[in-house]
Protein backbone atom coordinates (compact mmCIF):
# COMPACT_ATOMS: atom_id res chain seq x y z
CA MET A 1 120.16 101.43 132.43
CA GLU A 2 122.71 101.73 129.63
CA ILE A 3 120.41 99.76 127.34
CA ILE A 4 117.58 102.25 128.02
CA THR A 5 119.81 105.25 127.34
CA ASP A 6 120.77 103.59 124.06
CA LEU A 7 117.10 102.97 123.24
CA LEU A 8 116.20 106.63 123.82
CA ARG A 9 119.08 107.69 121.59
CA PHE A 10 117.97 105.22 118.91
CA LEU A 11 114.41 106.54 118.98
CA ASP A 12 115.61 110.14 118.63
CA ASN A 13 117.92 109.26 115.73
CA SER A 14 115.22 107.30 113.89
CA PRO A 15 112.32 109.65 113.04
CA CYS A 16 111.33 107.52 110.03
CA ASN A 17 112.06 104.16 108.40
CA PHE A 18 115.02 105.39 106.30
CA LEU A 19 116.77 106.98 109.26
CA ALA A 20 116.07 103.92 111.42
CA VAL A 21 117.81 101.70 108.87
CA ASP A 22 120.74 104.10 108.69
CA THR A 23 121.03 104.11 112.50
CA VAL A 24 120.94 100.31 112.58
CA LYS A 25 123.55 100.17 109.83
CA THR A 26 125.91 102.34 111.89
CA ALA A 27 125.45 100.08 114.93
CA LEU A 28 126.13 96.95 112.88
CA ILE A 29 129.29 98.33 111.27
CA SER A 30 130.63 99.37 114.67
CA ASN A 31 130.12 95.77 115.82
CA GLY A 32 132.05 94.20 112.95
CA PHE A 33 129.28 93.49 110.44
CA SER A 34 130.07 93.88 106.73
CA GLU A 35 127.60 95.24 104.18
CA LEU A 36 126.54 93.14 101.19
CA SER A 37 124.63 94.33 98.16
CA MET A 38 121.67 92.27 97.00
CA ALA A 39 122.92 92.87 93.44
CA ASP A 40 126.42 91.46 94.00
CA LYS A 41 127.71 87.93 94.29
CA TRP A 42 128.08 87.04 97.96
CA GLN A 43 131.15 85.42 99.48
CA LEU A 44 130.15 84.18 102.94
CA GLU A 45 132.35 82.58 105.57
CA SER A 46 131.59 80.57 108.68
CA GLY A 47 131.57 82.98 111.60
CA GLY A 48 131.04 85.94 109.30
CA LYS A 49 128.78 88.85 110.26
CA TYR A 50 126.88 90.56 107.46
CA PHE A 51 123.95 92.80 106.61
CA THR A 52 122.09 93.87 103.51
CA THR A 53 119.39 96.45 102.85
CA LYS A 54 116.35 96.73 100.62
CA ASN A 55 115.01 100.08 99.36
CA ASP A 56 117.05 101.90 102.04
CA SER A 57 114.11 101.14 104.37
CA ALA A 58 114.58 97.49 105.41
CA ILE A 59 117.72 95.86 106.79
CA PHE A 60 118.71 92.26 107.44
CA ALA A 61 121.63 91.38 109.72
CA PHE A 62 122.90 87.82 109.92
CA THR A 63 125.77 85.75 111.26
CA ILE A 64 126.87 82.47 109.65
CA GLY A 65 127.04 79.53 112.05
CA SER A 66 129.56 76.72 111.80
CA GLN A 67 126.69 74.23 111.60
CA ALA A 68 125.18 74.01 108.14
CA PHE A 69 121.80 75.65 107.63
CA ALA A 70 120.41 72.29 106.52
CA ASP A 71 121.41 70.69 109.82
CA ALA A 72 120.61 73.45 112.34
CA GLY A 73 118.31 75.91 110.58
CA ALA A 74 118.37 79.54 111.70
CA LYS A 75 117.32 81.56 114.72
CA ILE A 76 115.34 84.57 113.47
CA ILE A 77 113.96 87.72 115.10
CA ALA A 78 111.75 89.84 112.86
CA ALA A 79 110.51 93.38 113.51
CA HIS A 80 109.52 96.44 111.48
CA CYS A 81 110.92 99.97 111.32
CA ASP A 82 107.95 101.95 109.95
CA SER A 83 105.40 103.78 112.09
CA PRO A 84 102.16 105.64 111.35
CA CYS A 85 102.79 109.22 110.26
CA PHE A 86 102.13 111.79 107.53
CA ARG A 87 103.89 111.66 104.16
CA ILE A 88 104.39 114.77 102.04
CA LYS A 89 102.75 114.57 98.62
CA PRO A 90 104.37 115.79 95.38
CA ASN A 91 103.62 119.42 94.48
CA ALA A 92 102.89 119.82 98.16
CA GLU A 93 102.66 123.56 98.73
CA ILE A 94 99.21 125.10 99.16
CA HIS A 95 99.09 128.88 99.42
CA SER A 96 96.47 130.29 101.77
CA GLU A 97 95.37 133.83 102.56
CA ASN A 98 97.74 136.17 104.38
CA GLY A 99 100.80 134.53 102.88
CA LEU A 100 100.52 131.25 104.78
CA VAL A 101 101.89 128.12 103.11
CA LYS A 102 100.70 124.66 104.14
CA LEU A 103 101.76 121.27 102.83
CA ASN A 104 99.58 118.67 101.16
CA THR A 105 100.13 115.36 102.96
CA GLU A 106 98.63 111.88 103.06
CA VAL A 107 98.29 109.63 106.06
CA TYR A 108 100.65 106.66 106.28
CA GLY A 109 99.27 103.73 108.29
CA GLY A 110 96.80 104.29 111.11
CA PRO A 111 97.89 107.12 113.41
CA ILE A 112 95.74 108.57 116.17
CA LEU A 113 95.14 111.82 114.30
CA TYR A 114 94.26 114.02 117.29
CA THR A 115 97.67 113.46 118.85
CA TRP A 116 99.41 115.26 115.97
CA PHE A 117 97.78 118.62 116.60
CA ASP A 118 99.70 121.58 118.06
CA ARG A 119 103.09 119.88 118.20
CA PRO A 120 106.36 121.16 116.77
CA LEU A 121 106.98 118.94 113.75
CA SER A 122 109.81 118.48 111.30
CA VAL A 123 110.73 116.51 108.20
CA ALA A 124 112.83 113.37 107.66
CA GLY A 125 113.29 110.81 104.90
CA ARG A 126 115.22 110.45 101.69
CA VAL A 127 115.75 112.73 98.71
CA ILE A 128 116.50 111.42 95.23
CA LEU A 129 119.01 113.50 93.29
CA ARG A 130 120.10 113.54 89.67
CA GLY A 131 122.84 110.95 89.10
CA PRO A 132 125.25 110.04 86.28
CA ASP A 133 122.36 108.67 84.19
CA ALA A 134 118.60 108.11 84.41
CA LEU A 135 118.92 104.58 85.85
CA HIS A 136 121.34 105.59 88.61
CA PRO A 137 119.98 108.51 90.65
CA VAL A 138 121.67 109.40 93.94
CA THR A 139 119.98 108.99 97.33
CA LYS A 140 120.59 111.29 100.28
CA LEU A 141 119.01 111.01 103.71
CA ILE A 142 117.60 114.09 105.38
CA LYS A 143 116.62 114.88 108.96
CA ILE A 144 115.81 118.49 109.72
CA ASP A 145 116.55 118.82 113.41
CA ARG A 146 114.52 121.95 114.10
CA PRO A 147 110.73 122.33 114.12
CA VAL A 148 109.50 123.68 110.77
CA LEU A 149 105.84 122.58 110.73
CA ILE A 150 102.76 122.59 112.92
CA ILE A 151 99.21 121.31 112.51
CA PRO A 152 97.22 123.95 114.41
CA HIS A 153 93.94 122.98 116.03
CA LEU A 154 90.77 125.05 115.63
CA PRO A 155 90.04 126.94 118.87
CA ILE A 156 87.30 125.51 121.05
CA HIS A 157 85.30 128.75 120.63
CA PHE A 158 84.70 127.80 116.97
CA ASN A 159 83.72 124.22 117.83
CA ARG A 160 82.18 123.94 121.28
CA ALA A 161 81.48 120.23 120.76
CA VAL A 162 85.11 119.32 120.06
CA ASN A 163 85.43 117.35 123.30
CA GLU A 164 82.25 115.42 122.54
CA GLY A 165 83.67 113.85 119.42
CA ASN A 166 84.82 115.61 116.28
CA PRO A 167 85.27 113.68 113.00
CA LEU A 168 88.42 114.76 111.20
CA SER A 169 89.08 115.11 107.49
CA ARG A 170 92.55 113.90 106.61
CA GLN A 171 92.61 116.21 103.61
CA LYS A 172 91.34 119.36 105.35
CA ASP A 173 92.02 119.23 109.08
CA MET A 174 95.44 117.56 109.14
CA LEU A 175 97.52 119.73 106.78
CA PRO A 176 100.65 121.21 108.42
CA VAL A 177 101.62 124.86 108.09
CA LEU A 178 105.17 125.35 106.80
CA GLY A 179 105.54 129.10 107.09
CA LYS A 180 104.50 132.60 106.13
CA ILE A 181 105.66 134.43 103.03
CA THR A 182 107.19 137.72 104.07
CA GLY A 183 108.72 138.72 100.74
CA THR A 184 108.83 137.55 97.15
CA LEU A 185 108.28 133.81 96.98
CA GLU A 186 111.09 132.03 95.18
CA LYS A 187 109.74 130.42 92.05
CA ASP A 188 110.78 126.95 93.17
CA GLY A 189 108.87 127.07 96.45
CA MET A 190 109.63 126.99 100.14
CA LEU A 191 109.89 123.21 100.60
CA LEU A 192 112.43 122.66 97.82
CA HIS A 193 114.50 125.57 99.08
CA LEU A 194 114.46 124.03 102.56
CA ILE A 195 115.65 120.68 101.18
CA SER A 196 118.26 122.36 98.95
CA SER A 197 119.66 124.35 101.86
CA GLU A 198 119.69 121.40 104.26
CA LEU A 199 121.49 119.06 101.84
CA ASN A 200 123.57 121.76 100.13
CA VAL A 201 122.40 120.68 96.67
CA GLU A 202 120.97 122.50 93.68
CA ILE A 203 117.19 122.61 93.45
CA ASN A 204 117.32 121.42 89.84
CA ASP A 205 119.10 118.25 91.02
CA ILE A 206 116.20 117.26 93.29
CA LEU A 207 114.18 114.68 91.33
CA ASP A 208 111.86 113.29 94.01
CA PHE A 209 111.61 112.49 97.69
CA ASP A 210 110.08 110.25 100.35
CA LEU A 211 109.53 112.69 103.21
CA MET A 212 107.62 112.14 106.42
CA LEU A 213 106.61 114.38 109.31
CA TYR A 214 107.88 113.62 112.81
CA ASP A 215 107.40 115.07 116.28
CA THR A 216 110.53 116.86 117.43
CA HIS A 217 109.97 116.12 121.12
CA LYS A 218 112.74 113.87 122.41
CA ALA A 219 112.22 110.38 123.84
CA THR A 220 112.12 110.56 127.62
CA LEU A 221 111.45 108.67 130.82
CA ALA A 222 108.38 109.36 132.94
CA GLY A 223 106.66 108.05 136.06
CA LEU A 224 107.43 108.50 139.74
CA ASN A 225 110.42 106.19 139.46
CA ASN A 226 111.23 106.76 135.76
CA GLU A 227 109.58 103.45 135.01
CA PHE A 228 107.92 104.53 131.73
CA ILE A 229 109.37 105.28 128.30
CA CYS A 230 107.54 108.03 126.36
CA SER A 231 108.29 108.55 122.69
CA GLY A 232 107.00 108.34 119.20
CA ARG A 233 107.62 105.15 117.22
CA ILE A 234 108.13 102.82 120.18
CA ASP A 235 105.96 100.57 118.02
CA ASP A 236 108.03 99.01 116.60
CA LEU A 237 111.44 100.61 116.96
CA SER A 238 111.79 99.26 120.49
CA MET A 239 111.68 95.73 119.07
CA VAL A 240 114.13 96.71 116.33
CA HIS A 241 116.47 97.99 119.01
CA ALA A 242 116.07 94.80 121.05
CA ALA A 243 116.76 92.56 118.03
CA ILE A 244 119.87 94.48 116.97
CA SER A 245 121.12 94.65 120.55
CA ALA A 246 120.81 90.87 120.77
CA ILE A 247 122.50 89.96 117.49
CA THR A 248 125.43 92.33 118.04
CA ALA A 249 125.97 90.89 121.54
CA SER A 250 125.66 87.23 120.54
CA ASN A 251 128.78 85.05 120.87
CA ASP A 252 127.18 81.81 119.64
CA THR A 253 129.15 80.59 116.61
CA LEU A 254 127.25 77.35 115.99
CA HIS A 255 123.91 78.66 114.71
CA THR A 256 123.02 81.01 111.90
CA LYS A 257 121.18 84.00 113.35
CA ILE A 258 119.11 86.63 111.52
CA ALA A 259 117.64 89.96 112.64
CA ALA A 260 115.15 90.86 109.90
CA ILE A 261 113.90 94.46 110.02
CA PHE A 262 111.09 94.98 107.50
CA ASP A 263 109.34 98.07 106.22
CA ASN A 264 105.66 98.79 105.51
CA GLU A 265 104.09 96.62 108.21
CA GLU A 266 101.73 99.48 109.01
CA THR A 267 100.30 99.32 105.47
CA GLY A 268 100.07 95.55 105.10
CA SER A 269 103.65 94.45 104.29
CA GLY A 270 102.86 94.04 100.59
CA THR A 271 106.00 95.67 99.19
CA LYS A 272 109.39 94.45 98.00
CA GLN A 273 110.82 95.50 101.37
CA GLY A 274 107.88 94.19 103.40
CA ALA A 275 107.28 90.90 105.18
CA GLY A 276 104.97 89.78 102.36
CA SER A 277 107.89 89.75 99.92
CA PRO A 278 110.36 86.88 99.34
CA VAL A 279 113.33 88.98 100.53
CA LEU A 280 113.98 87.02 103.74
CA ALA A 281 113.51 83.68 102.00
CA SER A 282 116.02 84.70 99.31
CA ILE A 283 118.60 85.67 101.95
CA MET A 284 118.18 82.31 103.66
CA GLU A 285 118.46 80.52 100.31
CA ARG A 286 121.75 82.30 99.62
CA ILE A 287 123.09 81.37 103.04
CA ASN A 288 122.18 77.74 102.39
CA PHE A 289 123.68 77.86 98.89
CA TYR A 290 127.02 79.25 100.03
CA GLN A 291 127.20 76.50 102.65
CA GLY A 292 126.96 73.98 99.83
CA GLY A 293 123.30 73.13 100.30
CA ASN A 294 120.76 72.33 97.61
CA GLN A 295 117.02 73.00 97.45
CA GLU A 296 116.18 70.03 99.64
CA ASP A 297 118.75 71.20 102.19
CA PHE A 298 117.02 74.57 102.21
CA TYR A 299 113.67 72.97 103.02
CA ARG A 300 115.30 70.91 105.76
CA GLY A 301 116.84 74.05 107.25
CA ILE A 302 113.52 75.88 107.19
CA ALA A 303 111.92 73.00 109.10
CA LYS A 304 114.60 73.34 111.79
CA SER A 305 114.38 77.15 112.09
CA PHE A 306 112.46 79.20 114.63
CA MET A 307 111.28 82.78 114.31
CA ILE A 308 110.31 85.35 116.92
CA SER A 309 108.07 87.94 115.29
CA ALA A 310 108.44 90.97 117.55
CA ASP A 311 105.78 93.66 117.39
CA ASN A 312 104.38 95.45 120.41
CA ALA A 313 101.17 94.57 122.25
CA HIS A 314 98.35 96.50 123.92
CA ALA A 315 98.85 97.13 127.63
CA PHE A 316 95.89 97.02 129.99
CA HIS A 317 94.50 100.53 130.29
CA PRO A 318 93.26 101.40 133.80
CA ASN A 319 90.63 103.80 132.41
CA TYR A 320 89.18 101.28 129.93
CA PRO A 321 89.17 97.82 131.55
CA GLU A 322 86.10 96.86 129.52
CA LYS A 323 88.17 96.90 126.31
CA PHE A 324 90.36 93.99 127.40
CA ASP A 325 89.99 90.25 127.66
CA PRO A 326 88.87 89.27 131.19
CA THR A 327 91.79 86.93 131.85
CA ASN A 328 94.53 87.86 129.35
CA HIS A 329 95.28 91.56 129.61
CA PRO A 330 99.02 92.22 129.94
CA ALA A 331 100.08 94.97 132.32
CA ILE A 332 102.73 97.51 131.46
CA GLY A 333 105.93 96.61 133.30
CA ASN A 334 105.01 92.95 133.87
CA GLY A 335 107.12 91.45 131.12
CA PRO A 336 107.12 90.44 127.44
CA VAL A 337 103.80 89.39 125.91
CA ILE A 338 102.93 86.26 123.94
CA LYS A 339 100.24 87.22 121.41
CA ILE A 340 97.50 84.71 120.56
CA ASN A 341 94.59 84.86 118.11
CA ALA A 342 92.18 82.03 117.25
CA ASN A 343 91.71 83.39 113.71
CA CYS A 344 95.43 83.24 112.98
CA LYS A 345 96.15 86.98 112.97
CA TYR A 346 99.30 85.92 114.82
CA MET A 347 101.53 82.95 114.02
CA THR A 348 101.54 81.78 117.65
CA ASP A 349 100.28 78.30 118.48
CA ALA A 350 100.59 76.28 121.66
CA HIS A 351 103.90 74.77 120.55
CA SER A 352 105.59 78.09 119.72
CA ALA A 353 104.08 79.81 122.78
CA ALA A 354 105.57 77.09 124.96
CA ILE A 355 108.99 77.67 123.39
CA PHE A 356 108.93 81.41 124.09
CA ARG A 357 107.59 80.88 127.60
CA THR A 358 110.50 78.55 128.29
CA LEU A 359 112.98 81.06 126.84
CA CYS A 360 111.58 83.66 129.24
CA GLU A 361 111.80 81.31 132.20
CA GLU A 362 115.39 80.35 131.42
CA ALA A 363 116.33 84.02 130.88
CA SER A 364 114.73 84.88 134.26
CA SER A 365 112.16 87.12 132.60
CA PRO A 366 108.46 87.38 133.44
CA TYR A 367 106.01 86.82 130.59
CA GLN A 368 102.34 87.52 129.85
CA TYR A 369 99.66 86.61 127.34
CA PHE A 370 97.54 88.85 125.13
CA VAL A 371 94.27 87.72 123.57
CA ASN A 372 91.72 90.16 122.14
CA HIS A 373 88.43 90.79 123.88
CA SER A 374 86.12 88.57 121.83
CA ASP A 375 83.90 91.50 120.84
CA ILE A 376 86.81 93.65 119.64
CA ALA A 377 88.77 92.85 116.51
CA GLY A 378 92.53 93.30 116.74
CA GLY A 379 95.21 93.87 114.12
CA SER A 380 97.70 91.54 112.52
CA THR A 381 101.48 91.71 112.34
CA LEU A 382 104.56 90.22 110.69
CA GLY A 383 104.35 86.60 111.77
CA ASN A 384 101.43 85.25 109.80
CA ILE A 385 102.44 87.32 106.74
CA LEU A 386 105.96 85.88 106.82
CA THR A 387 104.64 82.34 106.97
CA SER A 388 102.99 82.90 103.58
CA GLN A 389 106.54 83.14 102.22
CA ILE A 390 108.44 80.77 104.53
CA ALA A 391 106.88 77.76 106.26
CA VAL A 392 108.78 78.40 109.48
CA ASP A 393 107.71 77.73 113.05
CA GLY A 394 107.44 80.83 115.20
CA VAL A 395 105.70 83.01 117.74
CA ASP A 396 104.35 86.56 117.81
CA VAL A 397 105.48 88.55 120.84
CA GLY A 398 105.92 92.16 121.92
CA ASN A 399 106.04 94.48 124.88
CA PRO A 400 102.85 96.10 126.19
CA LEU A 401 102.25 99.75 125.25
CA TRP A 402 99.74 102.46 126.00
CA ALA A 403 98.42 104.66 123.17
CA MET A 404 99.77 102.53 120.33
CA HIS A 405 99.92 104.64 117.13
CA SER A 406 99.80 107.90 119.07
CA VAL A 407 102.44 110.49 118.23
CA CYS A 408 103.70 109.71 121.76
CA GLU A 409 103.39 106.12 122.98
CA THR A 410 104.27 104.81 126.44
CA GLY A 411 106.17 101.64 127.26
CA SER A 412 108.08 100.19 130.20
CA VAL A 413 111.74 100.33 131.11
CA ASP A 414 111.61 96.90 132.78
CA ASP A 415 109.80 95.31 129.83
CA HIS A 416 112.43 96.48 127.37
CA ILE A 417 115.28 95.24 129.54
CA ASN A 418 113.57 91.87 129.91
CA MET A 419 112.87 91.54 126.18
CA VAL A 420 116.49 92.34 125.29
CA ASN A 421 117.62 89.68 127.77
CA VAL A 422 115.25 87.08 126.27
CA PHE A 423 116.42 87.90 122.74
CA LYS A 424 120.06 87.61 123.80
CA TYR A 425 119.33 84.28 125.45
CA PHE A 426 117.58 83.05 122.28
CA PHE A 427 120.51 84.02 120.06
CA ASN A 428 123.07 82.50 122.45
């Protein structure tokens, strides 16, 4: 269960994309990986272990195999570190009657809004500070460990039909309360004073921020036999954890291996740090170049590579069996899921599905299939977006979850252990 204890710790330390990347970075450094800057000239060595970041919110770990990229390609696991949440807008404070101060926020991705009500919330992200000149500001990460916000629900007495369906306004209903003014309000506002105090910086040095709300409840186990994992951000931080666990444990020195952790999947991946960007392709080109390969060698290596796109799947819900495909509805706790879609929302085809199935069999892991109910449209993920940048063979997989995009999702202990084992087998 050590891997599960580590997962719970990782979830608690990663309340947003920036903190997730920082947590991954710490794990990589402790396992002998060296950081490279995208802006510097790289000096790579066979057997070397490296990582680089993009925008502080995406991270790419890789090991250089003794076989040339052109001859053996790369083994790749891709996942994403962002999750649906609320982002604080600029000029966020809204003063209400009786001295109450609430924050103006916007919704990031597609959260289940109702699940965010009446929970102790806090703030995490990055703060941009004044630097030596305009082109070189300083970035500091922030994670306020105590609850400072709450989105209070209207009492049922004011809305008797709330349990019969209640449309929510993201601009009106979902704004969190920060606090109550009890004295003279500082001219710079409560939020900036909170940030200034937490980071021990001057308010005038705070230029901007990327701040998100997060639920302060800790990740935990549940179920009669502790068989369930309950936490925010299991989608997709559990797959991030599995990928990093696998690459740090790998002892294969022949093949080049990459764990690619992207940002902004929940909003379409169309950013410089998202799967729709050329960032992974450029990293692979640099690996090929420093192994002496040319452009044709790069194309040869791509043709010999295989990618596992890891993003979680929908577990069969015992209260809503009608929502699931009659014959392909993965059960929580029954193993990793191969995700298939006829309209190419996933990159999986019969060839790549067969490869992952065989990996599971050889790693002694169960496996399942997910296909949408034909009357219910599903979402997309990293795999098919990545193939618009790199023509690589691959499969979309994930572990089954309940309440995906809720502030508290539920997964399986056994599924995570099995997925980590499959990933380790793939990398070895």
